Amino acid sequence: MDNARRKTIVSAMDHDVIIAGGGLNGCTLALALASGGLDVALIDPVPVDTRGGAEFDGRSYALSAASRALLGALGLWPGLADGAQPILDIRISDGTAGTGPSPLTLEFDHAQIEEGPMGFMVEDRHLRPALLDAIDKDARITAITGVSVTGQAPHASGVTATLSDGREIDGRLLVGCDGRRSATAQRAGIRRTGWEYPQNALVAAIGHERPHDGVAHQFFMPEGPLAILPLKGNRCSIVWTERRERARALTDLPDDAYLNVLRPRFGNFLGEISLAGRRYTYPLALSIANSFAAPRVALVGDAAHAVHPIAGQGLNAGLKDVGSLAEVVVDAHRRGEDIGRIDVLRRYEQWRRFDVSALALATDGFNRLFSNDNPILRAVRDAGLGLVGHLPGLRRSAIREAAGLTGDRPRLLQGRPI
């Protein structure tokens, strides 16, 4: 089903950009490009009547301060702010289940930076409908739902995308926002480098008796980290990393048994806990596309890179891609350049490649350093946490990095229009 406002035949249309994938990155990119004056076709395999929902299902996202600025620049934040939980403090500790954290805890306080909270927790039931509503109201975006891109043929003046219902649409650029198994990348001949971790992430929403006071916790255990992220009210979101076979066994447990395993890891600092939404699990891997661009093709989000969730930067990295690609493409368009030319797209790739590589190395290194019970490594990492905690300048730099406020930020991530 296409946007109700669109009465012309889609196959006869020409678009500046075709986006394959209607997830959070794809939707945000469509709005960013449209804000810069480009016409966009957004191809989403999910049928329109199953997209978005008012019920809380446990899914939520940690948005950095820079990602919040991007949503503000696109006019979305005012509608999200009331349902968003500020992250005011982050506490990082080492330990084992049932014994509590190490006394050498690293704490990041938002008061140490001028920009306000380091980030915000936003529930999927709020973010996704806000994106879809904005897309439906934007005359520059044609949303085509319930079909996928099954073929692409780049040529001198553009690219023709074939849809699963047999239609063909033309654009000057095709952007793959279709996940880590991106068919867009595969058809462009772009290979990936990476490896699987022997770990799965268990994700759930948890209710608790005591207020969390906006504090996020990262508790490192030998099997993998447990992140406890504050939501509105007495609720939090957990990302619980376990060895793969163990995680599969936990997934099969009934809710009460699942909570009994979680409790000694979670601790009792928030009182009694309960499940407040559905449980999810997914395997963990590091996977980076060998190129983020090809003739008439660019990759964004998981289609370009997927990293360990240890730093909670997956969606934030994708939104940096969105801001960077939108700025490169819109600026090229305003200069009269062909936005699908490889030399234009290489600017985007060069902008993002170093940052993505650094994030991948950092998350991989932290996971290997902390996901073990080696006493020597434990002493080293505890000493490291203590050292950073006693150096205000280094601690402030780490806070700004976590908030996405460092480096060469795209205009949207500074809260400015393109």
Protein backbone atom coordinates (compact mmCIF):
# COMPACT_ATOMS: atom_id res chain seq x y z
CA MET A 1 0.00 0.00 0.00
CA ASP A 2 1.39 3.44 -0.95
CA ASN A 3 0.77 6.75 0.77
CA ALA A 4 -2.93 7.57 0.42
CA ARG A 5 -2.05 11.02 -0.97
CA ARG A 6 -0.14 9.50 -3.90
CA LYS A 7 -2.52 9.02 -6.80
CA THR A 8 -0.05 8.65 -9.67
CA ILE A 9 1.47 5.36 -10.74
CA VAL A 10 4.69 4.75 -8.84
CA SER A 11 6.40 3.02 -11.78
CA ALA A 12 6.17 6.28 -13.74
CA MET A 13 7.87 8.32 -11.02
CA ASP A 14 11.44 9.43 -10.79
CA HIS A 15 13.00 9.88 -7.36
CA ASP A 16 16.21 11.42 -6.17
CA VAL A 17 16.80 8.60 -3.64
CA ILE A 18 15.34 5.13 -3.19
CA ILE A 19 15.71 3.66 0.32
CA ALA A 20 15.54 -0.13 0.70
CA GLY A 21 14.35 -0.81 4.26
CA GLY A 22 11.81 0.98 6.43
CA GLY A 23 13.32 0.49 9.88
CA LEU A 24 14.39 3.31 12.18
CA ASN A 25 17.44 4.26 10.11
CA GLY A 26 15.57 4.10 6.81
CA CYS A 27 12.69 6.23 8.10
CA THR A 28 15.00 8.81 9.64
CA LEU A 29 17.11 9.01 6.47
CA ALA A 30 13.98 9.58 4.38
CA LEU A 31 12.98 12.51 6.61
CA ALA A 32 16.51 13.93 6.62
CA LEU A 33 16.80 13.84 2.82
CA ALA A 34 13.32 15.28 2.37
CA SER A 35 14.21 18.12 4.76
CA GLY A 36 17.00 18.97 2.32
CA GLY A 37 14.63 19.17 -0.64
CA LEU A 38 15.06 15.70 -2.16
CA ASP A 39 12.30 13.38 -3.36
CA VAL A 40 12.50 9.98 -1.69
CA ALA A 41 10.93 6.55 -2.22
CA LEU A 42 10.94 4.50 0.99
CA ILE A 43 10.50 0.75 0.36
CA ASP A 44 9.39 -1.13 3.47
CA PRO A 45 8.67 -4.88 3.38
CA VAL A 46 6.47 -4.59 6.49
CA PRO A 47 2.77 -4.13 5.62
CA VAL A 48 1.36 -0.78 6.67
CA ASP A 49 -1.25 -2.28 9.01
CA THR A 50 1.40 -4.01 11.15
CA ARG A 51 3.77 -1.05 11.53
CA GLY A 52 3.84 0.68 14.90
CA GLY A 53 1.60 0.05 17.88
CA ALA A 54 0.44 1.69 21.08
CA GLU A 55 1.17 -1.22 23.42
CA PHE A 56 4.52 -1.41 25.20
CA ASP A 57 6.29 -4.57 24.06
CA GLY A 58 9.61 -4.06 25.86
CA ARG A 59 11.62 -2.63 22.98
CA SER A 60 13.44 0.63 23.67
CA TYR A 61 16.53 2.49 22.53
CA ALA A 62 19.34 4.42 24.19
CA LEU A 63 19.70 7.64 22.20
CA SER A 64 22.80 9.76 22.72
CA ALA A 65 22.56 13.51 23.17
CA ALA A 66 23.69 13.90 19.56
CA SER A 67 20.96 11.56 18.32
CA ARG A 68 18.41 13.55 20.32
CA ALA A 69 19.71 16.68 18.57
CA LEU A 70 19.15 15.02 15.19
CA LEU A 71 15.55 14.19 16.08
CA GLY A 72 15.12 17.77 17.26
CA ALA A 73 16.45 19.17 13.98
CA LEU A 74 13.90 17.03 12.10
CA GLY A 75 11.07 18.33 14.28
CA LEU A 76 10.41 15.01 16.01
CA TRP A 77 11.71 15.57 19.53
CA PRO A 78 8.84 17.75 20.88
CA GLY A 79 6.49 14.82 20.36
CA LEU A 80 8.88 12.35 22.01
CA ALA A 81 10.22 14.35 24.95
CA ASP A 82 7.44 13.59 27.44
CA GLY A 83 7.84 9.84 27.01
CA ALA A 84 11.65 9.88 27.02
CA GLN A 85 13.66 9.06 30.15
CA PRO A 86 16.84 11.14 30.56
CA ILE A 87 20.02 9.21 31.37
CA LEU A 88 21.55 11.32 34.13
CA ASP A 89 24.24 9.00 35.41
CA ILE A 90 26.11 5.91 34.18
CA ARG A 91 27.75 3.52 36.64
CA ILE A 92 30.19 0.89 35.37
CA SER A 93 31.40 -1.95 37.58
CA ASP A 94 33.00 -5.37 37.43
CA GLY A 95 31.86 -8.43 39.37
CA THR A 96 30.21 -11.83 39.37
CA ALA A 97 26.62 -12.94 39.84
CA GLY A 98 25.63 -13.06 43.50
CA THR A 99 28.75 -11.31 44.85
CA GLY A 100 27.96 -7.74 43.86
CA PRO A 101 30.10 -5.20 42.03
CA SER A 102 33.76 -4.45 42.57
CA PRO A 103 34.38 -1.47 44.90
CA LEU A 104 36.20 0.24 41.98
CA THR A 105 33.14 1.63 40.18
CA LEU A 106 33.39 4.20 37.40
CA GLU A 107 30.65 6.84 37.45
CA PHE A 108 29.71 9.30 34.70
CA ASP A 109 27.53 12.22 35.83
CA HIS A 110 25.72 14.38 33.25
CA ALA A 111 26.46 17.47 35.34
CA GLN A 112 30.07 17.25 34.11
CA ILE A 113 29.07 18.41 30.62
CA GLU A 114 27.19 21.54 29.57
CA GLU A 115 24.79 19.96 27.06
CA GLY A 116 22.49 18.31 29.61
CA PRO A 117 21.67 14.58 29.88
CA MET A 118 24.11 12.20 28.18
CA GLY A 119 21.23 10.49 26.46
CA PHE A 120 17.62 9.40 26.62
CA MET A 121 15.78 6.09 26.67
CA VAL A 122 12.93 6.09 24.14
CA GLU A 123 10.45 3.26 23.75
CA ASP A 124 9.83 1.79 20.31
CA ARG A 125 6.07 2.34 20.67
CA HIS A 126 6.77 6.10 20.75
CA LEU A 127 9.67 6.45 18.30
CA ARG A 128 8.44 4.31 15.42
CA PRO A 129 4.93 5.85 15.17
CA ALA A 130 6.45 9.36 15.35
CA LEU A 131 8.67 8.55 12.36
CA LEU A 132 5.83 6.95 10.40
CA ASP A 133 3.48 9.87 11.07
CA ALA A 134 6.09 12.39 9.93
CA ILE A 135 6.72 10.36 6.77
CA ASP A 136 3.02 10.20 5.97
CA LYS A 137 2.77 13.98 6.25
CA ASP A 138 5.83 14.71 4.06
CA ALA A 139 4.88 15.26 0.42
CA ARG A 140 8.46 14.56 -0.69
CA ILE A 141 8.38 10.97 0.59
CA THR A 142 6.59 8.13 -1.20
CA ALA A 143 6.23 5.20 1.23
CA ILE A 144 5.73 1.85 -0.50
CA THR A 145 4.95 -0.86 2.06
CA GLY A 146 4.48 -4.61 1.94
CA VAL A 147 7.08 -5.10 -0.81
CA SER A 148 10.88 -5.33 -0.91
CA VAL A 149 13.61 -4.42 -3.37
CA THR A 150 14.58 -7.60 -5.22
CA GLY A 151 16.83 -6.18 -7.93
CA GLN A 152 18.94 -3.15 -8.76
CA ALA A 153 20.48 -2.05 -12.03
CA PRO A 154 22.82 0.96 -11.88
CA HIS A 155 23.35 2.90 -15.09
CA ALA A 156 24.97 6.14 -16.21
CA SER A 157 22.20 8.46 -15.05
CA GLY A 158 20.72 6.55 -12.13
CA VAL A 159 19.57 3.20 -10.78
CA THR A 160 16.49 1.11 -11.46
CA ALA A 161 15.12 -0.85 -8.51
CA THR A 162 12.87 -3.85 -9.06
CA LEU A 163 10.25 -4.51 -6.39
CA SER A 164 8.91 -7.87 -5.26
CA ASP A 165 5.54 -7.13 -6.89
CA GLY A 166 7.20 -6.64 -10.28
CA ARG A 167 7.20 -2.85 -10.37
CA GLU A 168 10.30 -0.89 -11.31
CA ILE A 169 11.18 2.53 -9.95
CA ASP A 170 14.01 4.85 -10.91
CA GLY A 171 16.23 7.06 -8.80
CA ARG A 172 19.64 8.62 -8.84
CA LEU A 173 20.78 6.79 -5.69
CA LEU A 174 19.79 3.57 -3.89
CA VAL A 175 20.49 3.37 -0.14
CA GLY A 176 20.56 0.02 1.63
CA CYS A 177 19.00 0.25 5.10
CA ASP A 178 18.19 -3.45 5.01
CA GLY A 179 20.21 -4.88 7.89
CA ARG A 180 23.41 -6.82 8.37
CA ARG A 181 22.42 -9.35 5.70
CA SER A 182 21.79 -6.49 3.29
CA ALA A 183 20.62 -7.75 -0.09
CA THR A 184 21.41 -4.29 -1.46
CA ALA A 185 25.06 -4.74 -0.51
CA GLN A 186 25.19 -8.29 -1.87
CA ARG A 187 23.78 -7.24 -5.24
CA ALA A 188 26.35 -4.42 -5.37
CA GLY A 189 29.13 -6.97 -4.81
CA ILE A 190 30.07 -5.55 -1.39
CA ARG A 191 31.48 -8.19 0.95
CA ARG A 192 31.73 -8.06 4.74
CA THR A 193 34.47 -8.65 7.31
CA GLY A 194 33.79 -9.87 10.83
CA TRP A 195 33.04 -12.76 13.12
CA GLU A 196 30.41 -14.15 15.42
CA TYR A 197 30.73 -13.95 19.19
CA PRO A 198 29.95 -17.04 21.27
CA GLN A 199 27.28 -14.93 22.97
CA ASN A 200 23.62 -13.98 22.64
CA ALA A 201 21.92 -10.88 23.96
CA LEU A 202 18.79 -11.33 26.08
CA VAL A 203 16.63 -8.21 26.01
CA ALA A 204 13.64 -7.49 28.25
CA ALA A 205 11.80 -4.75 30.10
CA ILE A 206 11.84 -5.05 33.89
CA GLY A 207 9.55 -3.52 36.49
CA HIS A 208 11.01 -2.77 39.94
CA GLU A 209 9.92 -1.43 43.33
CA ARG A 210 12.34 1.47 43.82
CA PRO A 211 13.00 4.49 41.57
CA HIS A 212 16.08 4.30 39.34
CA ASP A 213 16.74 8.09 39.49
CA GLY A 214 17.76 8.12 35.84
CA VAL A 215 20.86 6.00 36.48
CA ALA A 216 22.07 3.49 33.88
CA HIS A 217 24.24 0.58 35.01
CA GLN A 218 26.76 -1.51 33.08
CA PHE A 219 27.72 -4.55 35.11
CA PHE A 220 30.54 -6.65 33.65
CA MET A 221 30.42 -10.37 34.42
CA PRO A 222 32.53 -13.26 33.10
CA GLU A 223 29.78 -14.45 30.73
CA GLY A 224 29.23 -10.95 29.33
CA PRO A 225 27.89 -7.54 30.36
CA LEU A 226 24.49 -6.74 31.82
CA ALA A 227 23.19 -3.27 30.95
CA ILE A 228 20.34 -1.86 33.06
CA LEU A 229 18.85 1.19 31.35
CA PRO A 230 16.21 3.44 32.96
CA LEU A 231 12.75 3.87 31.42
CA LYS A 232 9.89 6.13 32.49
CA GLY A 233 8.41 5.11 35.82
CA ASN A 234 9.77 2.21 37.86
CA ARG A 235 10.87 0.29 34.80
CA CYS A 236 14.14 -0.39 33.02
CA SER A 237 15.37 -2.14 29.91
CA ILE A 238 18.05 -4.81 30.21
CA VAL A 239 20.54 -6.10 27.65
CA TRP A 240 21.89 -9.27 29.23
CA THR A 241 24.77 -10.99 27.43
CA GLU A 242 25.28 -14.72 28.04
CA ARG A 243 27.19 -17.56 26.42
CA ARG A 244 25.21 -18.78 23.44
CA GLU A 245 24.11 -22.19 24.69
CA ARG A 246 23.25 -20.77 28.10
CA ALA A 247 21.25 -17.96 26.48
CA ARG A 248 19.29 -20.44 24.39
CA ALA A 249 18.42 -22.43 27.50
CA LEU A 250 17.34 -19.25 29.31
CA THR A 251 15.14 -18.27 26.38
CA ASP A 252 13.21 -21.53 26.76
CA LEU A 253 12.51 -20.94 30.46
CA PRO A 254 9.13 -19.76 31.71
CA ASP A 255 9.06 -16.19 33.03
CA ASP A 256 9.41 -17.09 36.73
CA ALA A 257 12.44 -19.30 36.14
CA TYR A 258 13.98 -16.65 33.86
CA LEU A 259 13.64 -14.05 36.62
CA ASN A 260 15.17 -16.43 39.18
CA VAL A 261 18.31 -16.66 37.06
CA LEU A 262 18.37 -12.90 36.47
CA ARG A 263 17.94 -11.82 40.12
CA PRO A 264 21.47 -12.64 41.41
CA ARG A 265 22.92 -10.85 38.38
CA PHE A 266 20.60 -7.84 38.61
CA GLY A 267 20.95 -7.41 42.39
CA ASN A 268 18.40 -6.01 44.83
CA PHE A 269 19.26 -2.29 44.66
CA LEU A 270 15.92 -1.58 42.94
CA GLY A 271 13.89 -3.97 45.11
CA GLU A 272 11.80 -6.81 43.74
CA ILE A 273 11.78 -7.16 39.96
CA SER A 274 9.24 -8.47 37.45
CA LEU A 275 8.87 -8.71 33.69
CA ALA A 276 7.18 -5.67 32.12
CA GLY A 277 7.15 -6.70 28.46
CA ARG A 278 8.12 -9.37 25.99
CA ARG A 279 11.50 -11.12 26.05
CA TYR A 280 13.82 -11.06 23.05
CA THR A 281 17.11 -12.72 22.13
CA TYR A 282 19.53 -12.37 19.25
CA PRO A 283 23.04 -13.62 18.41
CA LEU A 284 25.96 -11.20 18.62
CA ALA A 285 28.49 -10.55 15.90
CA LEU A 286 30.88 -7.95 14.56
CA SER A 287 30.30 -7.33 10.87
CA ILE A 288 31.53 -4.40 8.78
CA ALA A 289 30.98 -3.91 5.05
CA ASN A 290 34.26 -3.69 3.16
CA SER A 291 32.87 -0.60 1.47
CA PHE A 292 30.02 1.70 2.44
CA ALA A 293 29.46 2.77 -1.17
CA ALA A 294 29.40 1.50 -4.74
CA PRO A 295 28.24 3.17 -7.98
CA ARG A 296 24.71 4.45 -7.26
CA VAL A 297 24.61 2.60 -3.92
CA ALA A 298 25.27 3.61 -0.28
CA LEU A 299 24.87 1.58 2.91
CA VAL A 300 23.56 2.86 6.25
CA GLY A 301 23.19 1.34 9.73
CA ASP A 302 23.48 -2.42 10.13
CA ALA A 303 23.81 -2.77 6.37
CA ALA A 304 27.18 -1.01 6.77
CA HIS A 305 28.21 -2.14 10.26
CA ALA A 306 27.01 -4.21 13.21
CA VAL A 307 28.94 -4.15 16.50
CA HIS A 308 28.67 -5.65 19.97
CA PRO A 309 25.99 -3.86 22.06
CA ILE A 310 28.41 -3.42 24.98
CA ALA A 311 28.44 0.37 24.53
CA GLY A 312 24.81 0.73 23.44
CA GLN A 313 25.88 2.57 20.29
CA GLY A 314 24.21 0.51 17.54
CA LEU A 315 21.33 2.86 16.70
CA ASN A 316 23.42 5.94 17.46
CA ALA A 317 26.03 4.81 14.94
CA GLY A 318 23.28 4.32 12.38
CA LEU A 319 21.92 7.81 13.03
CA LYS A 320 25.43 9.22 12.51
CA ASP A 321 25.36 7.49 9.13
CA VAL A 322 22.00 9.12 8.44
CA GLY A 323 23.27 12.60 9.31
CA SER A 324 26.49 12.17 7.36
CA LEU A 325 24.97 10.71 4.19
CA ALA A 326 22.10 13.21 4.15
CA GLU A 327 24.54 16.11 4.47
CA VAL A 328 26.86 14.82 1.74
CA VAL A 329 24.00 14.09 -0.67
CA VAL A 330 22.04 17.30 -0.04
CA ASP A 331 25.15 19.47 -0.33
CA ALA A 332 26.11 17.73 -3.59
CA HIS A 333 22.58 18.24 -4.92
CA ARG A 334 22.72 21.96 -4.12
CA ARG A 335 26.01 22.25 -5.99
CA GLY A 336 24.47 20.62 -9.03
CA GLU A 337 26.44 17.38 -8.70
CA ASP A 338 25.12 13.92 -9.54
CA ILE A 339 24.31 12.54 -6.08
CA GLY A 340 24.78 8.92 -7.14
CA ARG A 341 28.30 9.29 -8.51
CA ILE A 342 30.87 7.22 -6.69
CA ASP A 343 33.12 10.21 -5.99
CA VAL A 344 30.24 11.87 -4.09
CA LEU A 345 29.45 8.71 -2.15
CA ARG A 346 33.12 8.21 -1.23
CA ARG A 347 32.89 11.45 0.80
CA TYR A 348 30.29 9.77 2.98
CA GLU A 349 32.35 6.61 3.28
CA GLN A 350 35.51 8.52 4.23
CA TRP A 351 33.57 10.50 6.83
CA ARG A 352 32.18 7.41 8.52
CA ARG A 353 34.85 4.71 8.01
CA PHE A 354 37.28 5.76 10.76
CA ASP A 355 34.57 6.35 13.37
CA VAL A 356 32.95 2.98 12.65
CA SER A 357 36.29 1.15 12.74
CA ALA A 358 37.18 2.78 16.06
CA LEU A 359 33.80 1.82 17.53
CA ALA A 360 34.17 -1.77 16.33
CA LEU A 361 37.66 -2.08 17.81
CA ALA A 362 36.57 -0.53 21.11
CA THR A 363 33.48 -2.71 21.57
CA ASP A 364 35.35 -5.85 20.54
CA GLY A 365 38.26 -5.04 22.86
CA PHE A 366 36.05 -4.25 25.85
CA ASN A 367 34.05 -7.42 25.35
CA ARG A 368 37.20 -9.57 25.22
CA LEU A 369 38.74 -7.78 28.21
CA PHE A 370 35.68 -7.99 30.47
CA SER A 371 33.93 -11.21 29.38
CA ASN A 372 36.22 -13.56 31.29
CA ASP A 373 37.19 -14.42 34.86
CA ASN A 374 40.97 -14.22 34.48
CA PRO A 375 42.26 -12.80 37.82
CA ILE A 376 45.09 -10.88 36.16
CA LEU A 377 42.79 -9.24 33.64
CA ARG A 378 40.29 -8.55 36.40
CA ALA A 379 42.94 -6.65 38.37
CA VAL A 380 43.97 -4.69 35.27
CA ARG A 381 40.42 -3.66 34.33
CA ASP A 382 39.49 -2.75 37.92
CA ALA A 383 42.59 -0.59 38.11
CA GLY A 384 41.64 1.00 34.80
CA LEU A 385 38.15 1.84 36.01
CA GLY A 386 39.60 3.35 39.16
CA LEU A 387 42.16 5.39 37.19
CA VAL A 388 39.58 6.92 34.85
CA GLY A 389 37.37 7.69 37.84
CA HIS A 390 40.14 9.72 39.47
CA LEU A 391 41.07 11.77 36.38
CA PRO A 392 38.36 14.41 35.82
CA GLY A 393 39.60 15.43 32.36
CA LEU A 394 39.64 11.85 31.08
CA ARG A 395 36.28 11.13 32.66
CA ARG A 396 34.73 14.22 31.05
CA SER A 397 36.13 13.20 27.66
CA ALA A 398 34.59 9.75 28.08
CA ILE A 399 31.22 11.30 28.96
CA ARG A 400 31.28 13.51 25.86
CA GLU A 401 32.23 10.51 23.72
CA ALA A 402 29.33 8.46 25.13
CA ALA A 403 26.98 11.39 24.46
CA GLY A 404 28.12 11.55 20.82
CA LEU A 405 29.45 15.09 21.25
CA THR A 406 32.98 14.56 19.92
CA GLY A 407 34.50 14.46 16.46
CA ASP A 408 33.29 15.92 13.17
CA ARG A 409 29.53 15.82 13.70
CA PRO A 410 27.06 16.32 10.84
CA ARG A 411 24.90 19.40 11.10
CA LEU A 412 21.80 17.39 12.06
CA LEU A 413 23.64 15.86 15.02
CA GLN A 414 24.46 19.41 16.16
CA GLY A 415 20.74 20.18 16.14
CA ARG A 416 21.03 22.27 12.95
CA PRO A 417 19.09 21.79 9.70
CA ILE A 418 20.97 20.50 6.68
